[in-house]
Amino acid sequence: MVQAIVDMGDREDRIVNVVKGKYGLKNKSEAVNLIIQKYEEEFLEPELRPEFIEKIKAIEKSKKFNRYSSLEDLKRKIENA
């Protein structure tokens, strides 16, 4: 576990305390961890999440991918469909 000293303003401290109270957390550390988790779920690109990588690997294993050697091959496939 990594420990950090965080400098935050009064407003940010109040927000952390509100999150702590709203979710019944024991301390501010749990509140900050929850805020980070929610940020990850809502704002990080899906390709950065490990769950997304696992999902893509599962799809690759199921052989549902079509491989094309060039963009022109893909265009031909779409136009002929």
PDB file of N, CA and C in Angstrom:
ATOM      1  N   MET A   1       0.853  -1.167   0.000  1.00  0.00           N
ATOM      2  CA  MET A   1       0.000   0.000   0.000  1.00  0.00           C
ATOM      3  C   MET A   1       0.903   1.236   0.000  1.00  0.00           C
ATOM      4  N   VAL A   2       0.519   2.198  -0.781  1.00  0.00           N
ATOM      5  CA  VAL A   2       1.254   3.456  -0.874  1.00  0.00           C
ATOM      6  C   VAL A   2       0.580   4.479   0.023  1.00  0.00           C
ATOM      7  N   GLN A   3       1.394   5.231   0.736  1.00  0.00           N
ATOM      8  CA  GLN A   3       0.860   6.308   1.570  1.00  0.00           C
ATOM      9  C   GLN A   3       1.287   7.635   0.965  1.00  0.00           C
ATOM     10  N   ALA A   4       0.414   8.620   1.061  1.00  0.00           N
ATOM     11  CA  ALA A   4       0.711   9.921   0.487  1.00  0.00           C
ATOM     12  C   ALA A   4       0.165  11.017   1.388  1.00  0.00           C
ATOM     13  N   ILE A   5       0.879  12.104   1.428  1.00  0.00           N
ATOM     14  CA  ILE A   5       0.385  13.301   2.104  1.00  0.00           C
ATOM     15  C   ILE A   5      -0.195  14.175   1.005  1.00  0.00           C
ATOM     16  N   VAL A   6      -1.457  14.557   1.172  1.00  0.00           N
ATOM     17  CA  VAL A   6      -2.158  15.312   0.136  1.00  0.00           C
ATOM     18  C   VAL A   6      -2.529  16.681   0.686  1.00  0.00           C
ATOM     19  N   ASP A   7      -2.148  17.714  -0.053  1.00  0.00           N
ATOM     20  CA  ASP A   7      -2.557  19.074   0.299  1.00  0.00           C
ATOM     21  C   ASP A   7      -3.819  19.383  -0.496  1.00  0.00           C
ATOM     22  N   MET A   8      -4.888  19.768   0.211  1.00  0.00           N
ATOM     23  CA  MET A   8      -6.119  20.146  -0.471  1.00  0.00           C
ATOM     24  C   MET A   8      -6.727  21.342   0.231  1.00  0.00           C
ATOM     25  N   GLY A   9      -7.517  22.060  -0.513  1.00  0.00           N
ATOM     26  CA  GLY A   9      -8.170  23.237   0.043  1.00  0.00           C
ATOM     27  C   GLY A   9      -9.372  22.864   0.891  1.00  0.00           C
ATOM     28  N   ASP A  10      -9.968  23.883   1.491  1.00  0.00           N
ATOM     29  CA  ASP A  10     -11.142  23.654   2.342  1.00  0.00           C
ATOM     30  C   ASP A  10     -12.295  23.026   1.563  1.00  0.00           C
ATOM     31  N   ARG A  11     -12.519  23.484   0.358  1.00  0.00           N
ATOM     32  CA  ARG A  11     -13.624  22.963  -0.445  1.00  0.00           C
ATOM     33  C   ARG A  11     -13.425  21.479  -0.753  1.00  0.00           C
ATOM     34  N   GLU A  12     -12.217  21.118  -1.177  1.00  0.00           N
ATOM     35  CA  GLU A  12     -11.922  19.722  -1.483  1.00  0.00           C
ATOM     36  C   GLU A  12     -12.046  18.850  -0.242  1.00  0.00           C
ATOM     37  N   ASP A  13     -11.602  19.371   0.905  1.00  0.00           N
ATOM     38  CA  ASP A  13     -11.715  18.634   2.158  1.00  0.00           C
ATOM     39  C   ASP A  13     -13.184  18.386   2.506  1.00  0.00           C
ATOM     40  N   ARG A  14     -14.024  19.404   2.294  1.00  0.00           N
ATOM     41  CA  ARG A  14     -15.454  19.238   2.560  1.00  0.00           C
ATOM     42  C   ARG A  14     -16.072  18.185   1.636  1.00  0.00           C
ATOM     43  N   ILE A  15     -15.650  18.189   0.381  1.00  0.00           N
ATOM     44  CA  ILE A  15     -16.165  17.198  -0.565  1.00  0.00           C
ATOM     45  C   ILE A  15     -15.786  15.788  -0.127  1.00  0.00           C
ATOM     46  N   VAL A  16     -14.551  15.604   0.282  1.00  0.00           N
ATOM     47  CA  VAL A  16     -14.108  14.287   0.764  1.00  0.00           C
ATOM     48  C   VAL A  16     -14.926  13.884   1.992  1.00  0.00           C
ATOM     49  N   ASN A  17     -15.174  14.824   2.883  1.00  0.00           N
ATOM     50  CA  ASN A  17     -15.979  14.524   4.067  1.00  0.00           C
ATOM     51  C   ASN A  17     -17.424  14.173   3.702  1.00  0.00           C
ATOM     52  N   VAL A  18     -17.982  14.843   2.699  1.00  0.00           N
ATOM     53  CA  VAL A  18     -19.344  14.534   2.254  1.00  0.00           C
ATOM     54  C   VAL A  18     -19.396  13.117   1.687  1.00  0.00           C
ATOM     55  N   VAL A  19     -18.418  12.760   0.862  1.00  0.00           N
ATOM     56  CA  VAL A  19     -18.360  11.405   0.294  1.00  0.00           C
ATOM     57  C   VAL A  19     -18.210  10.384   1.418  1.00  0.00           C
ATOM     58  N   LYS A  20     -17.359  10.692   2.370  1.00  0.00           N
ATOM     59  CA  LYS A  20     -17.147   9.808   3.517  1.00  0.00           C
ATOM     60  C   LYS A  20     -18.456   9.573   4.264  1.00  0.00           C
ATOM     61  N   GLY A  21     -19.207  10.632   4.527  1.00  0.00           N
ATOM     62  CA  GLY A  21     -20.469  10.514   5.242  1.00  0.00           C
ATOM     63  C   GLY A  21     -21.553   9.840   4.424  1.00  0.00           C
ATOM     64  N   LYS A  22     -21.639  10.197   3.140  1.00  0.00           N
ATOM     65  CA  LYS A  22     -22.690   9.659   2.280  1.00  0.00           C
ATOM     66  C   LYS A  22     -22.591   8.145   2.136  1.00  0.00           C
ATOM     67  N   TYR A  23     -21.368   7.632   2.038  1.00  0.00           N
ATOM     68  CA  TYR A  23     -21.182   6.204   1.827  1.00  0.00           C
ATOM     69  C   TYR A  23     -20.831   5.453   3.112  1.00  0.00           C
ATOM     70  N   GLY A  24     -20.842   6.151   4.254  1.00  0.00           N
ATOM     71  CA  GLY A  24     -20.579   5.504   5.532  1.00  0.00           C
ATOM     72  C   GLY A  24     -19.182   4.923   5.640  1.00  0.00           C
ATOM     73  N   LEU A  25     -18.212   5.642   5.129  1.00  0.00           N
ATOM     74  CA  LEU A  25     -16.830   5.164   5.148  1.00  0.00           C
ATOM     75  C   LEU A  25     -16.161   5.498   6.478  1.00  0.00           C
ATOM     76  N   LYS A  26     -15.133   4.738   6.813  1.00  0.00           N
ATOM     77  CA  LYS A  26     -14.477   4.891   8.116  1.00  0.00           C
ATOM     78  C   LYS A  26     -13.555   6.098   8.177  1.00  0.00           C
ATOM     79  N   ASN A  27     -12.894   6.402   7.058  1.00  0.00           N
ATOM     80  CA  ASN A  27     -11.929   7.502   7.085  1.00  0.00           C
ATOM     81  C   ASN A  27     -11.823   8.171   5.717  1.00  0.00           C
ATOM     82  N   LYS A  28     -11.054   9.241   5.668  1.00  0.00           N
ATOM     83  CA  LYS A  28     -10.898   9.994   4.422  1.00  0.00           C
ATOM     84  C   LYS A  28     -10.152   9.186   3.367  1.00  0.00           C
ATOM     85  N   SER A  29      -9.286   8.293   3.793  1.00  0.00           N
ATOM     86  CA  SER A  29      -8.552   7.455   2.845  1.00  0.00           C
ATOM     87  C   SER A  29      -9.524   6.609   2.023  1.00  0.00           C
ATOM     88  N   GLU A  30     -10.513   6.019   2.684  1.00  0.00           N
ATOM     89  CA  GLU A  30     -11.522   5.237   1.970  1.00  0.00           C
ATOM     90  C   GLU A  30     -12.324   6.128   1.027  1.00  0.00           C
ATOM     91  N   ALA A  31     -12.603   7.346   1.446  1.00  0.00           N
ATOM     92  CA  ALA A  31     -13.352   8.284   0.604  1.00  0.00           C
ATOM     93  C   ALA A  31     -12.552   8.645  -0.645  1.00  0.00           C
ATOM     94  N   VAL A  32     -11.275   8.914  -0.478  1.00  0.00           N
ATOM     95  CA  VAL A  32     -10.427   9.252  -1.625  1.00  0.00           C
ATOM     96  C   VAL A  32     -10.340   8.057  -2.569  1.00  0.00           C
ATOM     97  N   ASN A  33     -10.200   6.851  -2.033  1.00  0.00           N
ATOM     98  CA  ASN A  33     -10.146   5.654  -2.871  1.00  0.00           C
ATOM     99  C   ASN A  33     -11.440   5.485  -3.663  1.00  0.00           C
ATOM    100  N   LEU A  34     -12.579   5.754  -3.040  1.00  0.00           N
ATOM    101  CA  LEU A  34     -13.861   5.657  -3.729  1.00  0.00           C
ATOM    102  C   LEU A  34     -13.955   6.695  -4.847  1.00  0.00           C
ATOM    103  N   ILE A  35     -13.522   7.905  -4.569  1.00  0.00           N
ATOM    104  CA  ILE A  35     -13.538   8.966  -5.576  1.00  0.00           C
ATOM    105  C   ILE A  35     -12.675   8.564  -6.771  1.00  0.00           C
ATOM    106  N   ILE A  36     -11.513   8.000  -6.507  1.00  0.00           N
ATOM    107  CA  ILE A  36     -10.615   7.566  -7.586  1.00  0.00           C
ATOM    108  C   ILE A  36     -11.264   6.443  -8.385  1.00  0.00           C
ATOM    109  N   GLN A  37     -11.886   5.496  -7.717  1.00  0.00           N
ATOM    110  CA  GLN A  37     -12.557   4.387  -8.388  1.00  0.00           C
ATOM    111  C   GLN A  37     -13.672   4.900  -9.300  1.00  0.00           C
ATOM    112  N   LYS A  38     -14.478   5.832  -8.796  1.00  0.00           N
ATOM    113  CA  LYS A  38     -15.565   6.389  -9.601  1.00  0.00           C
ATOM    114  C   LYS A  38     -15.012   7.155 -10.805  1.00  0.00           C
ATOM    115  N   TYR A  39     -13.925   7.878 -10.605  1.00  0.00           N
ATOM    116  CA  TYR A  39     -13.296   8.610 -11.704  1.00  0.00           C
ATOM    117  C   TYR A  39     -12.848   7.630 -12.786  1.00  0.00           C
ATOM    118  N   GLU A  40     -12.220   6.542 -12.361  1.00  0.00           N
ATOM    119  CA  GLU A  40     -11.755   5.544 -13.322  1.00  0.00           C
ATOM    120  C   GLU A  40     -12.920   4.987 -14.134  1.00  0.00           C
ATOM    121  N   GLU A  41     -14.008   4.643 -13.472  1.00  0.00           N
ATOM    122  CA  GLU A  41     -15.167   4.060 -14.149  1.00  0.00           C
ATOM    123  C   GLU A  41     -15.801   5.030 -15.139  1.00  0.00           C
ATOM    124  N   GLU A  42     -15.844   6.304 -14.783  1.00  0.00           N
ATOM    125  CA  GLU A  42     -16.572   7.282 -15.583  1.00  0.00           C
ATOM    126  C   GLU A  42     -15.743   7.971 -16.660  1.00  0.00           C
ATOM    127  N   PHE A  43     -14.465   8.217 -16.387  1.00  0.00           N
ATOM    128  CA  PHE A  43     -13.726   9.124 -17.264  1.00  0.00           C
ATOM    129  C   PHE A  43     -12.538   8.519 -17.994  1.00  0.00           C
ATOM    130  N   LEU A  44     -11.950   7.455 -17.480  1.00  0.00           N
ATOM    131  CA  LEU A  44     -10.799   6.898 -18.184  1.00  0.00           C
ATOM    132  C   LEU A  44     -11.258   6.169 -19.434  1.00  0.00           C
ATOM    133  N   GLU A  45     -10.439   6.201 -20.436  1.00  0.00           N
ATOM    134  CA  GLU A  45     -10.752   5.525 -21.684  1.00  0.00           C
ATOM    135  C   GLU A  45     -10.842   4.026 -21.431  1.00  0.00           C
ATOM    136  N   PRO A  46     -11.803   3.350 -22.058  1.00  0.00           N
ATOM    137  CA  PRO A  46     -11.966   1.919 -21.798  1.00  0.00           C
ATOM    138  C   PRO A  46     -10.728   1.103 -22.137  1.00  0.00           C
ATOM    139  N   GLU A  47      -9.971   1.524 -23.147  1.00  0.00           N
ATOM    140  CA  GLU A  47      -8.790   0.742 -23.505  1.00  0.00           C
ATOM    141  C   GLU A  47      -7.708   0.787 -22.432  1.00  0.00           C
ATOM    142  N   LEU A  48      -7.836   1.688 -21.473  1.00  0.00           N
ATOM    143  CA  LEU A  48      -6.871   1.750 -20.379  1.00  0.00           C
ATOM    144  C   LEU A  48      -7.241   0.821 -19.229  1.00  0.00           C
ATOM    145  N   ARG A  49      -8.462   0.321 -19.232  1.00  0.00           N
ATOM    146  CA  ARG A  49      -8.917  -0.523 -18.135  1.00  0.00           C
ATOM    147  C   ARG A  49      -8.580  -1.985 -18.398  1.00  0.00           C
ATOM    148  N   PRO A  50      -8.111  -2.696 -17.386  1.00  0.00           N
ATOM    149  CA  PRO A  50      -7.774  -4.119 -17.558  1.00  0.00           C
ATOM    150  C   PRO A  50      -8.970  -4.961 -17.998  1.00  0.00           C
ATOM    151  N   GLU A  51     -10.191  -4.598 -17.556  1.00  0.00           N
ATOM    152  CA  GLU A  51     -11.371  -5.367 -17.947  1.00  0.00           C
ATOM    153  C   GLU A  51     -11.569  -5.317 -19.469  1.00  0.00           C
ATOM    154  N   PHE A  52     -11.284  -4.168 -20.059  1.00  0.00           N
ATOM    155  CA  PHE A  52     -11.441  -4.016 -21.503  1.00  0.00           C
ATOM    156  C   PHE A  52     -10.460  -4.907 -22.243  1.00  0.00           C
ATOM    157  N   ILE A  53      -9.232  -4.966 -21.769  1.00  0.00           N
ATOM    158  CA  ILE A  53      -8.208  -5.805 -22.399  1.00  0.00           C
ATOM    159  C   ILE A  53      -8.617  -7.271 -22.329  1.00  0.00           C
ATOM    160  N   GLU A  54      -9.123  -7.710 -21.173  1.00  0.00           N
ATOM    161  CA  GLU A  54      -9.580  -9.090 -21.024  1.00  0.00           C
ATOM    162  C   GLU A  54     -10.745  -9.386 -21.964  1.00  0.00           C
ATOM    163  N   LYS A  55     -11.645  -8.445 -22.112  1.00  0.00           N
ATOM    164  CA  LYS A  55     -12.795  -8.628 -23.001  1.00  0.00           C
ATOM    165  C   LYS A  55     -12.333  -8.803 -24.446  1.00  0.00           C
ATOM    166  N   ILE A  56     -11.403  -7.984 -24.878  1.00  0.00           N
ATOM    167  CA  ILE A  56     -10.877  -8.074 -26.241  1.00  0.00           C
ATOM    168  C   ILE A  56     -10.163  -9.405 -26.450  1.00  0.00           C
ATOM    169  N   LYS A  57      -9.382  -9.848 -25.468  1.00  0.00           N
ATOM    170  CA  LYS A  57      -8.694 -11.140 -25.586  1.00  0.00           C
ATOM    171  C   LYS A  57      -9.692 -12.279 -25.714  1.00  0.00           C
ATOM    172  N   ALA A  58     -10.795 -12.207 -24.983  1.00  0.00           N
ATOM    173  CA  ALA A  58     -11.830 -13.244 -25.069  1.00  0.00           C
ATOM    174  C   ALA A  58     -12.466 -13.256 -26.450  1.00  0.00           C
ATOM    175  N   ILE A  59     -12.709 -12.083 -27.011  1.00  0.00           N
ATOM    176  CA  ILE A  59     -13.280 -12.001 -28.351  1.00  0.00           C
ATOM    177  C   ILE A  59     -12.303 -12.569 -29.381  1.00  0.00           C
ATOM    178  N   GLU A  60     -11.019 -12.256 -29.224  1.00  0.00           N
ATOM    179  CA  GLU A  60     -10.018 -12.786 -30.150  1.00  0.00           C
ATOM    180  C   GLU A  60      -9.986 -14.309 -30.107  1.00  0.00           C
ATOM    181  N   LYS A  61     -10.079 -14.878 -28.913  1.00  0.00           N
ATOM    182  CA  LYS A  61     -10.055 -16.339 -28.771  1.00  0.00           C
ATOM    183  C   LYS A  61     -11.281 -16.986 -29.396  1.00  0.00           C
ATOM    184  N   SER A  62     -12.399 -16.281 -29.424  1.00  0.00           N
ATOM    185  CA  SER A  62     -13.626 -16.851 -29.981  1.00  0.00           C
ATOM    186  C   SER A  62     -13.622 -16.824 -31.508  1.00  0.00           C
ATOM    187  N   LYS A  63     -12.579 -16.295 -32.113  1.00  0.00           N
ATOM    188  CA  LYS A  63     -12.419 -16.272 -33.576  1.00  0.00           C
ATOM    189  C   LYS A  63     -13.500 -15.459 -34.279  1.00  0.00           C
ATOM    190  N   LYS A  64     -14.030 -14.440 -33.651  1.00  0.00           N
ATOM    191  CA  LYS A  64     -15.058 -13.607 -34.271  1.00  0.00           C
ATOM    192  C   LYS A  64     -14.465 -12.398 -34.994  1.00  0.00           C
ATOM    193  N   PHE A  65     -13.153 -12.333 -35.086  1.00  0.00           N
ATOM    194  CA  PHE A  65     -12.492 -11.223 -35.758  1.00  0.00           C
ATOM    195  C   PHE A  65     -12.235 -11.575 -37.213  1.00  0.00           C
ATOM    196  N   ASN A  66     -12.369 -10.597 -38.081  1.00  0.00           N
ATOM    197  CA  ASN A  66     -11.943 -10.726 -39.463  1.00  0.00           C
ATOM    198  C   ASN A  66     -10.691  -9.887 -39.615  1.00  0.00           C
ATOM    199  N   ARG A  67      -9.671 -10.477 -40.177  1.00  0.00           N
ATOM    200  CA  ARG A  67      -8.416  -9.743 -40.358  1.00  0.00           C
ATOM    201  C   ARG A  67      -8.314  -9.275 -41.810  1.00  0.00           C
ATOM    202  N   TYR A  68      -7.842  -8.053 -41.969  1.00  0.00           N
ATOM    203  CA  TYR A  68      -7.668  -7.465 -43.288  1.00  0.00           C
ATOM    204  C   TYR A  68      -6.238  -6.981 -43.390  1.00  0.00           C
ATOM    205  N   SER A  69      -5.651  -7.207 -44.550  1.00  0.00           N
ATOM    206  CA  SER A  69      -4.253  -6.814 -44.726  1.00  0.00           C
ATOM    207  C   SER A  69      -4.110  -5.319 -45.007  1.00  0.00           C
ATOM    208  N   SER A  70      -5.205  -4.693 -45.439  1.00  0.00           N
ATOM    209  CA  SER A  70      -5.145  -3.260 -45.713  1.00  0.00           C
ATOM    210  C   SER A  70      -6.537  -2.652 -45.589  1.00  0.00           C
ATOM    211  N   LEU A  71      -6.572  -1.360 -45.574  1.00  0.00           N
ATOM    212  CA  LEU A  71      -7.841  -0.640 -45.524  1.00  0.00           C
ATOM    213  C   LEU A  71      -8.636  -0.875 -46.813  1.00  0.00           C
ATOM    214  N   GLU A  72      -7.941  -1.035 -47.914  1.00  0.00           N
ATOM    215  CA  GLU A  72      -8.594  -1.299 -49.199  1.00  0.00           C
ATOM    216  C   GLU A  72      -9.343  -2.632 -49.161  1.00  0.00           C
ATOM    217  N   ASP A  73      -8.753  -3.649 -48.537  1.00  0.00           N
ATOM    218  CA  ASP A  73      -9.437  -4.940 -48.403  1.00  0.00           C
ATOM    219  C   ASP A  73     -10.723  -4.793 -47.613  1.00  0.00           C
ATOM    220  N   LEU A  74     -10.667  -4.025 -46.551  1.00  0.00           N
ATOM    221  CA  LEU A  74     -11.855  -3.793 -45.728  1.00  0.00           C
ATOM    222  C   LEU A  74     -12.925  -3.059 -46.531  1.00  0.00           C
ATOM    223  N   LYS A  75     -12.524  -2.032 -47.283  1.00  0.00           N
ATOM    224  CA  LYS A  75     -13.478  -1.288 -48.109  1.00  0.00           C
ATOM    225  C   LYS A  75     -14.147  -2.200 -49.128  1.00  0.00           C
ATOM    226  N   ARG A  76     -13.364  -3.076 -49.766  1.00  0.00           N
ATOM    227  CA  ARG A  76     -13.927  -4.018 -50.740  1.00  0.00           C
ATOM    228  C   ARG A  76     -14.941  -4.943 -50.091  1.00  0.00           C
ATOM    229  N   LYS A  77     -14.629  -5.425 -48.910  1.00  0.00           N
ATOM    230  CA  LYS A  77     -15.529  -6.313 -48.179  1.00  0.00           C
ATOM    231  C   LYS A  77     -16.860  -5.607 -47.858  1.00  0.00           C
ATOM    232  N   ILE A  78     -16.771  -4.351 -47.421  1.00  0.00           N
ATOM    233  CA  ILE A  78     -17.971  -3.571 -47.073  1.00  0.00           C
ATOM    234  C   ILE A  78     -18.800  -3.285 -48.319  1.00  0.00           C
ATOM    235  N   GLU A  79     -18.156  -2.909 -49.398  1.00  0.00           N
ATOM    236  CA  GLU A  79     -18.874  -2.567 -50.629  1.00  0.00           C
ATOM    237  C   GLU A  79     -19.522  -3.790 -51.273  1.00  0.00           C
ATOM    238  N   ASN A  80     -18.952  -4.964 -51.096  1.00  0.00           N
ATOM    239  CA  ASN A  80     -19.491  -6.176 -51.702  1.00  0.00           C
ATOM    240  C   ASN A  80     -20.551  -6.839 -50.819  1.00  0.00           C
ATOM    241  N   ALA A  81     -20.707  -6.375 -49.643  1.00  0.00           N
ATOM    242  CA  ALA A  81     -21.667  -7.004 -48.726  1.00  0.00           C
ATOM    243  C   ALA A  81     -23.081  -6.594 -49.004  1.00  0.00           C
TER     244      ALA A  81
END
